[in-house]
Amino acid sequence: MINVGDVVMSISGHDRGELYIVVKNDERFAYVSDGRLKPVSNPKKKNIKHINKIGKSDEFIELLNNNMLTDVKLKYLLKRWRSRCLNQT
């Protein structure tokens, strides 16, 4: 199940392999943002069948609840997730 605050990777489409954070969701779609090409104000609509959950970002939830979420902070969170995923191999 995909929820708000999940870090996901696109597994199909032209953006395959990109990391995103889920900013909103419904039963069939997740609205994802990367803070760069897809800002928080205009998230990308992705079918949940086309993304894999990588993990959960508690920092994102905290920023969202405190109304302190910006695209710059989102880019920073995803950058840290990318480096964490690359260092695991």
PDB file of N, CA and C in Angstrom:
ATOM      1  N   MET A   1       0.840  -1.187   0.000  1.00  0.00           N
ATOM      2  CA  MET A   1       0.000   0.000   0.000  1.00  0.00           C
ATOM      3  C   MET A   1       0.880   1.244   0.000  1.00  0.00           C
ATOM      4  N   ILE A   2       0.596   2.160  -0.882  1.00  0.00           N
ATOM      5  CA  ILE A   2       1.344   3.402  -1.012  1.00  0.00           C
ATOM      6  C   ILE A   2       0.635   4.481  -0.197  1.00  0.00           C
ATOM      7  N   ASN A   3       1.402   5.186   0.646  1.00  0.00           N
ATOM      8  CA  ASN A   3       0.857   6.245   1.494  1.00  0.00           C
ATOM      9  C   ASN A   3       1.645   7.536   1.319  1.00  0.00           C
ATOM     10  N   VAL A   4       1.076   8.630   1.810  1.00  0.00           N
ATOM     11  CA  VAL A   4       1.760   9.919   1.781  1.00  0.00           C
ATOM     12  C   VAL A   4       3.038   9.807   2.607  1.00  0.00           C
ATOM     13  N   GLY A   5       4.137  10.314   2.041  1.00  0.00           N
ATOM     14  CA  GLY A   5       5.427  10.266   2.727  1.00  0.00           C
ATOM     15  C   GLY A   5       6.301   9.112   2.301  1.00  0.00           C
ATOM     16  N   ASP A   6       5.773   8.211   1.471  1.00  0.00           N
ATOM     17  CA  ASP A   6       6.582   7.094   0.991  1.00  0.00           C
ATOM     18  C   ASP A   6       7.539   7.560  -0.089  1.00  0.00           C
ATOM     19  N   VAL A   7       8.742   7.039  -0.050  1.00  0.00           N
ATOM     20  CA  VAL A   7       9.715   7.270  -1.112  1.00  0.00           C
ATOM     21  C   VAL A   7       9.525   6.136  -2.102  1.00  0.00           C
ATOM     22  N   VAL A   8       9.285   6.492  -3.361  1.00  0.00           N
ATOM     23  CA  VAL A   8       8.984   5.492  -4.388  1.00  0.00           C
ATOM     24  C   VAL A   8       9.909   5.670  -5.583  1.00  0.00           C
ATOM     25  N   MET A   9      10.049   4.586  -6.351  1.00  0.00           N
ATOM     26  CA  MET A   9      10.813   4.630  -7.593  1.00  0.00           C
ATOM     27  C   MET A   9       9.876   4.286  -8.736  1.00  0.00           C
ATOM     28  N   SER A  10       9.954   5.055  -9.798  1.00  0.00           N
ATOM     29  CA  SER A  10       9.153   4.799 -10.985  1.00  0.00           C
ATOM     30  C   SER A  10       9.710   3.575 -11.690  1.00  0.00           C
ATOM     31  N   ILE A  11       8.838   2.610 -12.047  1.00  0.00           N
ATOM     32  CA  ILE A  11       9.299   1.403 -12.727  1.00  0.00           C
ATOM     33  C   ILE A  11       8.831   1.325 -14.172  1.00  0.00           C
ATOM     34  N   SER A  12       8.039   2.314 -14.612  1.00  0.00           N
ATOM     35  CA  SER A  12       7.656   2.351 -16.016  1.00  0.00           C
ATOM     36  C   SER A  12       7.403   3.793 -16.434  1.00  0.00           C
ATOM     37  N   GLY A  13       7.477   3.996 -17.725  1.00  0.00           N
ATOM     38  CA  GLY A  13       7.303   5.334 -18.268  1.00  0.00           C
ATOM     39  C   GLY A  13       8.649   5.966 -18.600  1.00  0.00           C
ATOM     40  N   HIS A  14       8.609   7.176 -19.113  1.00  0.00           N
ATOM     41  CA  HIS A  14       9.850   7.851 -19.501  1.00  0.00           C
ATOM     42  C   HIS A  14      10.698   8.251 -18.296  1.00  0.00           C
ATOM     43  N   ASP A  15      10.105   8.236 -17.114  1.00  0.00           N
ATOM     44  CA  ASP A  15      10.829   8.611 -15.899  1.00  0.00           C
ATOM     45  C   ASP A  15      11.275   7.389 -15.092  1.00  0.00           C
ATOM     46  N   ARG A  16      11.355   6.234 -15.725  1.00  0.00           N
ATOM     47  CA  ARG A  16      11.740   4.988 -15.055  1.00  0.00           C
ATOM     48  C   ARG A  16      13.077   5.164 -14.327  1.00  0.00           C
ATOM     49  N   GLY A  17      13.105   4.716 -13.070  1.00  0.00           N
ATOM     50  CA  GLY A  17      14.325   4.806 -12.275  1.00  0.00           C
ATOM     51  C   GLY A  17      14.426   6.048 -11.412  1.00  0.00           C
ATOM     52  N   GLU A  18      13.512   6.987 -11.573  1.00  0.00           N
ATOM     53  CA  GLU A  18      13.546   8.228 -10.787  1.00  0.00           C
ATOM     54  C   GLU A  18      12.918   8.013  -9.415  1.00  0.00           C
ATOM     55  N   LEU A  19      13.458   8.701  -8.413  1.00  0.00           N
ATOM     56  CA  LEU A  19      12.906   8.666  -7.064  1.00  0.00           C
ATOM     57  C   LEU A  19      11.946   9.833  -6.867  1.00  0.00           C
ATOM     58  N   TYR A  20      10.857   9.561  -6.188  1.00  0.00           N
ATOM     59  CA  TYR A  20       9.851  10.570  -5.875  1.00  0.00           C
ATOM     60  C   TYR A  20       9.376  10.360  -4.447  1.00  0.00           C
ATOM     61  N   ILE A  21       8.698  11.365  -3.907  1.00  0.00           N
ATOM     62  CA  ILE A  21       7.989  11.235  -2.638  1.00  0.00           C
ATOM     63  C   ILE A  21       6.509  11.439  -2.912  1.00  0.00           C
ATOM     64  N   VAL A  22       5.682  10.578  -2.326  1.00  0.00           N
ATOM     65  CA  VAL A  22       4.232  10.663  -2.509  1.00  0.00           C
ATOM     66  C   VAL A  22       3.705  11.817  -1.663  1.00  0.00           C
ATOM     67  N   VAL A  23       3.063  12.793  -2.327  1.00  0.00           N
ATOM     68  CA  VAL A  23       2.509  13.949  -1.621  1.00  0.00           C
ATOM     69  C   VAL A  23       1.000  13.845  -1.429  1.00  0.00           C
ATOM     70  N   LYS A  24       0.366  12.961  -2.216  1.00  0.00           N
ATOM     71  CA  LYS A  24      -1.082  12.753  -2.119  1.00  0.00           C
ATOM     72  C   LYS A  24      -1.372  11.418  -2.797  1.00  0.00           C
ATOM     73  N   ASN A  25      -2.448  10.760  -2.381  1.00  0.00           N
ATOM     74  CA  ASN A  25      -2.803   9.514  -3.062  1.00  0.00           C
ATOM     75  C   ASN A  25      -4.299   9.252  -2.970  1.00  0.00           C
ATOM     76  N   ASP A  26      -4.755   8.379  -3.854  1.00  0.00           N
ATOM     77  CA  ASP A  26      -6.107   7.842  -3.780  1.00  0.00           C
ATOM     78  C   ASP A  26      -5.991   6.349  -4.064  1.00  0.00           C
ATOM     79  N   GLU A  27      -7.090   5.670  -4.330  1.00  0.00           N
ATOM     80  CA  GLU A  27      -7.004   4.211  -4.418  1.00  0.00           C
ATOM     81  C   GLU A  27      -6.260   3.701  -5.647  1.00  0.00           C
ATOM     82  N   ARG A  28      -6.238   4.438  -6.756  1.00  0.00           N
ATOM     83  CA  ARG A  28      -5.553   3.971  -7.973  1.00  0.00           C
ATOM     84  C   ARG A  28      -4.307   4.761  -8.327  1.00  0.00           C
ATOM     85  N   PHE A  29      -4.190   5.979  -7.837  1.00  0.00           N
ATOM     86  CA  PHE A  29      -3.086   6.840  -8.252  1.00  0.00           C
ATOM     87  C   PHE A  29      -2.352   7.431  -7.058  1.00  0.00           C
ATOM     88  N   ALA A  30      -1.067   7.675  -7.276  1.00  0.00           N
ATOM     89  CA  ALA A  30      -0.258   8.397  -6.302  1.00  0.00           C
ATOM     90  C   ALA A  30       0.215   9.674  -6.994  1.00  0.00           C
ATOM     91  N   TYR A  31       0.208  10.762  -6.284  1.00  0.00           N
ATOM     92  CA  TYR A  31       0.688  12.038  -6.811  1.00  0.00           C
ATOM     93  C   TYR A  31       2.065  12.256  -6.210  1.00  0.00           C
ATOM     94  N   VAL A  32       3.075  12.252  -7.082  1.00  0.00           N
ATOM     95  CA  VAL A  32       4.464  12.237  -6.627  1.00  0.00           C
ATOM     96  C   VAL A  32       5.189  13.507  -7.053  1.00  0.00           C
ATOM     97  N   SER A  33       6.183  13.853  -6.264  1.00  0.00           N
ATOM     98  CA  SER A  33       6.960  15.059  -6.532  1.00  0.00           C
ATOM     99  C   SER A  33       8.423  14.770  -6.270  1.00  0.00           C
ATOM    100  N   ASP A  34       9.291  15.472  -7.032  1.00  0.00           N
ATOM    101  CA  ASP A  34      10.727  15.359  -6.792  1.00  0.00           C
ATOM    102  C   ASP A  34      11.345  16.709  -6.429  1.00  0.00           C
ATOM    103  N   GLY A  35      10.541  17.757  -6.408  1.00  0.00           N
ATOM    104  CA  GLY A  35      11.042  19.074  -6.038  1.00  0.00           C
ATOM    105  C   GLY A  35      11.813  19.771  -7.142  1.00  0.00           C
ATOM    106  N   ARG A  36      11.998  19.111  -8.266  1.00  0.00           N
ATOM    107  CA  ARG A  36      12.785  19.679  -9.359  1.00  0.00           C
ATOM    108  C   ARG A  36      11.900  19.824 -10.594  1.00  0.00           C
ATOM    109  N   LEU A  37      11.687  18.729 -11.313  1.00  0.00           N
ATOM    110  CA  LEU A  37      10.824  18.785 -12.498  1.00  0.00           C
ATOM    111  C   LEU A  37       9.350  18.730 -12.131  1.00  0.00           C
ATOM    112  N   LYS A  38       9.054  18.058 -11.050  1.00  0.00           N
ATOM    113  CA  LYS A  38       7.681  17.965 -10.557  1.00  0.00           C
ATOM    114  C   LYS A  38       7.619  18.581  -9.162  1.00  0.00           C
ATOM    115  N   PRO A  39       7.280  19.870  -9.074  1.00  0.00           N
ATOM    116  CA  PRO A  39       7.240  20.541  -7.775  1.00  0.00           C
ATOM    117  C   PRO A  39       6.052  20.068  -6.925  1.00  0.00           C
ATOM    118  N   VAL A  40       6.098  20.396  -5.664  1.00  0.00           N
ATOM    119  CA  VAL A  40       5.037  20.014  -4.731  1.00  0.00           C
ATOM    120  C   VAL A  40       3.708  20.615  -5.166  1.00  0.00           C
ATOM    121  N   SER A  41       3.743  21.802  -5.754  1.00  0.00           N
ATOM    122  CA  SER A  41       2.508  22.474  -6.170  1.00  0.00           C
ATOM    123  C   SER A  41       1.862  21.835  -7.396  1.00  0.00           C
ATOM    124  N   ASN A  42       2.638  21.036  -8.167  1.00  0.00           N
ATOM    125  CA  ASN A  42       2.116  20.390  -9.372  1.00  0.00           C
ATOM    126  C   ASN A  42       2.678  18.971  -9.475  1.00  0.00           C
ATOM    127  N   PRO A  43       2.232  18.053  -8.604  1.00  0.00           N
ATOM    128  CA  PRO A  43       2.807  16.706  -8.600  1.00  0.00           C
ATOM    129  C   PRO A  43       2.386  15.887  -9.811  1.00  0.00           C
ATOM    130  N   LYS A  44       3.188  14.864 -10.107  1.00  0.00           N
ATOM    131  CA  LYS A  44       2.921  13.964 -11.223  1.00  0.00           C
ATOM    132  C   LYS A  44       1.946  12.879 -10.778  1.00  0.00           C
ATOM    133  N   LYS A  45       0.956  12.599 -11.601  1.00  0.00           N
ATOM    134  CA  LYS A  45      -0.022  11.549 -11.315  1.00  0.00           C
ATOM    135  C   LYS A  45       0.521  10.238 -11.872  1.00  0.00           C
ATOM    136  N   LYS A  46       0.785   9.269 -10.971  1.00  0.00           N
ATOM    137  CA  LYS A  46       1.329   7.972 -11.378  1.00  0.00           C
ATOM    138  C   LYS A  46       0.394   6.862 -10.915  1.00  0.00           C
ATOM    139  N   ASN A  47       0.165   5.900 -11.781  1.00  0.00           N
ATOM    140  CA  ASN A  47      -0.589   4.709 -11.411  1.00  0.00           C
ATOM    141  C   ASN A  47       0.235   3.949 -10.376  1.00  0.00           C
ATOM    142  N   ILE A  48      -0.406   3.469  -9.311  1.00  0.00           N
ATOM    143  CA  ILE A  48       0.362   2.802  -8.249  1.00  0.00           C
ATOM    144  C   ILE A  48       0.987   1.494  -8.729  1.00  0.00           C
ATOM    145  N   LYS A  49       0.510   0.954  -9.851  1.00  0.00           N
ATOM    146  CA  LYS A  49       1.136  -0.245 -10.430  1.00  0.00           C
ATOM    147  C   LYS A  49       2.486   0.078 -11.055  1.00  0.00           C
ATOM    148  N   HIS A  50       2.744   1.346 -11.313  1.00  0.00           N
ATOM    149  CA  HIS A  50       3.964   1.752 -12.007  1.00  0.00           C
ATOM    150  C   HIS A  50       5.039   2.307 -11.081  1.00  0.00           C
ATOM    151  N   ILE A  51       4.873   2.122  -9.768  1.00  0.00           N
ATOM    152  CA  ILE A  51       5.885   2.583  -8.815  1.00  0.00           C
ATOM    153  C   ILE A  51       6.137   1.507  -7.761  1.00  0.00           C
ATOM    154  N   ASN A  52       7.370   1.492  -7.246  1.00  0.00           N
ATOM    155  CA  ASN A  52       7.747   0.595  -6.154  1.00  0.00           C
ATOM    156  C   ASN A  52       8.097   1.425  -4.933  1.00  0.00           C
ATOM    157  N   LYS A  53       7.628   0.976  -3.785  1.00  0.00           N
ATOM    158  CA  LYS A  53       7.941   1.660  -2.527  1.00  0.00           C
ATOM    159  C   LYS A  53       9.368   1.308  -2.117  1.00  0.00           C
ATOM    160  N   ILE A  54      10.159   2.345  -1.834  1.00  0.00           N
ATOM    161  CA  ILE A  54      11.538   2.156  -1.389  1.00  0.00           C
ATOM    162  C   ILE A  54      11.616   2.262   0.132  1.00  0.00           C
ATOM    163  N   GLY A  55      10.863   3.195   0.688  1.00  0.00           N
ATOM    164  CA  GLY A  55      10.887   3.398   2.130  1.00  0.00           C
ATOM    165  C   GLY A  55       9.910   4.484   2.539  1.00  0.00           C
ATOM    166  N   LYS A  56      10.040   4.932   3.775  1.00  0.00           N
ATOM    167  CA  LYS A  56       9.149   5.952   4.335  1.00  0.00           C
ATOM    168  C   LYS A  56      10.002   7.112   4.830  1.00  0.00           C
ATOM    169  N   SER A  57       9.618   8.340   4.508  1.00  0.00           N
ATOM    170  CA  SER A  57      10.333   9.527   4.952  1.00  0.00           C
ATOM    171  C   SER A  57       9.566  10.204   6.080  1.00  0.00           C
ATOM    172  N   ASP A  58      10.014   9.973   7.305  1.00  0.00           N
ATOM    173  CA  ASP A  58       9.384  10.617   8.454  1.00  0.00           C
ATOM    174  C   ASP A  58       9.632  12.125   8.457  1.00  0.00           C
ATOM    175  N   GLU A  59      10.782  12.534   7.918  1.00  0.00           N
ATOM    176  CA  GLU A  59      11.087  13.970   7.841  1.00  0.00           C
ATOM    177  C   GLU A  59      10.090  14.684   6.948  1.00  0.00           C
ATOM    178  N   PHE A  60       9.684  14.042   5.852  1.00  0.00           N
ATOM    179  CA  PHE A  60       8.700  14.631   4.944  1.00  0.00           C
ATOM    180  C   PHE A  60       7.376  14.848   5.667  1.00  0.00           C
ATOM    181  N   ILE A  61       6.927  13.843   6.415  1.00  0.00           N
ATOM    182  CA  ILE A  61       5.667  13.944   7.165  1.00  0.00           C
ATOM    183  C   ILE A  61       5.742  15.091   8.167  1.00  0.00           C
ATOM    184  N   GLU A  62       6.888  15.208   8.842  1.00  0.00           N
ATOM    185  CA  GLU A  62       7.070  16.280   9.825  1.00  0.00           C
ATOM    186  C   GLU A  62       7.015  17.655   9.158  1.00  0.00           C
ATOM    187  N   LEU A  63       7.701  17.806   8.016  1.00  0.00           N
ATOM    188  CA  LEU A  63       7.669  19.078   7.285  1.00  0.00           C
ATOM    189  C   LEU A  63       6.259  19.395   6.785  1.00  0.00           C
ATOM    190  N   LEU A  64       5.566  18.367   6.307  1.00  0.00           N
ATOM    191  CA  LEU A  64       4.206  18.554   5.800  1.00  0.00           C
ATOM    192  C   LEU A  64       3.265  18.995   6.918  1.00  0.00           C
ATOM    193  N   ASN A  65       3.372  18.371   8.081  1.00  0.00           N
ATOM    194  CA  ASN A  65       2.502  18.713   9.208  1.00  0.00           C
ATOM    195  C   ASN A  65       2.778  20.113   9.750  1.00  0.00           C
ATOM    196  N   ASN A  66       4.020  20.580   9.647  1.00  0.00           N
ATOM    197  CA  ASN A  66       4.388  21.908  10.147  1.00  0.00           C
ATOM    198  C   ASN A  66       4.284  22.996   9.076  1.00  0.00           C
ATOM    199  N   ASN A  67       3.756  22.652   7.897  1.00  0.00           N
ATOM    200  CA  ASN A  67       3.634  23.596   6.763  1.00  0.00           C
ATOM    201  C   ASN A  67       4.969  24.237   6.414  1.00  0.00           C
ATOM    202  N   MET A  68       6.044  23.474   6.482  1.00  0.00           N
ATOM    203  CA  MET A  68       7.380  23.980   6.160  1.00  0.00           C
ATOM    204  C   MET A  68       7.949  23.314   4.913  1.00  0.00           C
ATOM    205  N   LEU A  69       7.111  22.590   4.163  1.00  0.00           N
ATOM    206  CA  LEU A  69       7.585  21.848   3.001  1.00  0.00           C
ATOM    207  C   LEU A  69       7.805  22.782   1.817  1.00  0.00           C
ATOM    208  N   THR A  70       9.003  22.748   1.259  1.00  0.00           N
ATOM    209  CA  THR A  70       9.331  23.487   0.045  1.00  0.00           C
ATOM    210  C   THR A  70       9.985  22.525  -0.937  1.00  0.00           C
ATOM    211  N   ASP A  71      10.080  22.946  -2.184  1.00  0.00           N
ATOM    212  CA  ASP A  71      10.734  22.114  -3.196  1.00  0.00           C
ATOM    213  C   ASP A  71      12.205  21.902  -2.869  1.00  0.00           C
ATOM    214  N   VAL A  72      12.852  22.903  -2.320  1.00  0.00           N
ATOM    215  CA  VAL A  72      14.276  22.790  -1.975  1.00  0.00           C
ATOM    216  C   VAL A  72      14.471  21.721  -0.897  1.00  0.00           C
ATOM    217  N   LYS A  73      13.622  21.720   0.124  1.00  0.00           N
ATOM    218  CA  LYS A  73      13.729  20.721   1.190  1.00  0.00           C
ATOM    219  C   LYS A  73      13.410  19.328   0.658  1.00  0.00           C
ATOM    220  N   LEU A  74      12.461  19.234  -0.267  1.00  0.00           N
ATOM    221  CA  LEU A  74      12.120  17.954  -0.866  1.00  0.00           C
ATOM    222  C   LEU A  74      13.292  17.418  -1.690  1.00  0.00           C
ATOM    223  N   LYS A  75      13.942  18.285  -2.463  1.00  0.00           N
ATOM    224  CA  LYS A  75      15.122  17.865  -3.233  1.00  0.00           C
ATOM    225  C   LYS A  75      16.220  17.349  -2.314  1.00  0.00           C
ATOM    226  N   TYR A  76      16.408  18.014  -1.178  1.00  0.00           N
ATOM    227  CA  TYR A  76      17.422  17.604  -0.212  1.00  0.00           C
ATOM    228  C   TYR A  76      17.099  16.227   0.368  1.00  0.00           C
ATOM    229  N   LEU A  77      15.829  15.984   0.715  1.00  0.00           N
ATOM    230  CA  LEU A  77      15.426  14.684   1.241  1.00  0.00           C
ATOM    231  C   LEU A  77      15.678  13.570   0.225  1.00  0.00           C
ATOM    232  N   LEU A  78      15.318  13.811  -1.030  1.00  0.00           N
ATOM    233  CA  LEU A  78      15.519  12.792  -2.061  1.00  0.00           C
ATOM    234  C   LEU A  78      16.999  12.576  -2.351  1.00  0.00           C
ATOM    235  N   LYS A  79      17.788  13.619  -2.260  1.00  0.00           N
ATOM    236  CA  LYS A  79      19.237  13.482  -2.463  1.00  0.00           C
ATOM    237  C   LYS A  79      19.827  12.558  -1.402  1.00  0.00           C
ATOM    238  N   ARG A  80      19.382  12.720  -0.160  1.00  0.00           N
ATOM    239  CA  ARG A  80      19.860  11.847   0.915  1.00  0.00           C
ATOM    240  C   ARG A  80      19.393  10.413   0.715  1.00  0.00           C
ATOM    241  N   TRP A  81      18.170  10.211   0.224  1.00  0.00           N
ATOM    242  CA  TRP A  81      17.686   8.859  -0.052  1.00  0.00           C
ATOM    243  C   TRP A  81      18.486   8.223  -1.175  1.00  0.00           C
ATOM    244  N   ARG A  82      18.798   9.001  -2.226  1.00  0.00           N
ATOM    245  CA  ARG A  82      19.594   8.470  -3.336  1.00  0.00           C
ATOM    246  C   ARG A  82      20.961   8.004  -2.851  1.00  0.00           C
ATOM    247  N   SER A  83      21.611   8.832  -2.046  1.00  0.00           N
ATOM    248  CA  SER A  83      22.946   8.460  -1.561  1.00  0.00           C
ATOM    249  C   SER A  83      22.856   7.263  -0.621  1.00  0.00           C
ATOM    250  N   ARG A  84      21.812   7.166   0.168  1.00  0.00           N
ATOM    251  CA  ARG A  84      21.622   6.014   1.054  1.00  0.00           C
ATOM    252  C   ARG A  84      21.417   4.734   0.236  1.00  0.00           C
ATOM    253  N   CYS A  85      20.633   4.823  -0.833  1.00  0.00           N
ATOM    254  CA  CYS A  85      20.393   3.635  -1.679  1.00  0.00           C
ATOM    255  C   CYS A  85      21.652   3.217  -2.412  1.00  0.00           C
ATOM    256  N   LEU A  86      22.446   4.179  -2.874  1.00  0.00           N
ATOM    257  CA  LEU A  86      23.673   3.863  -3.605  1.00  0.00           C
ATOM    258  C   LEU A  86      24.744   3.279  -2.682  1.00  0.00           C
ATOM    259  N   ASN A  87      24.759   3.685  -1.428  1.00  0.00           N
ATOM    260  CA  ASN A  87      25.764   3.195  -0.487  1.00  0.00           C
ATOM    261  C   ASN A  87      25.464   1.797   0.018  1.00  0.00           C
ATOM    262  N   GLN A  88      24.281   1.264  -0.226  1.00  0.00           N
ATOM    263  CA  GLN A  88      23.926  -0.069   0.243  1.00  0.00           C
ATOM    264  C   GLN A  88      24.546  -1.171  -0.585  1.00  0.00           C
ATOM    265  N   THR A  89      24.972  -0.861  -1.809  1.00  0.00           N
ATOM    266  CA  THR A  89      25.524  -1.899  -2.676  1.00  0.00           C
ATOM    267  C   THR A  89      26.973  -2.136  -2.430  1.00  0.00           C
TER     268      THR A  89
END
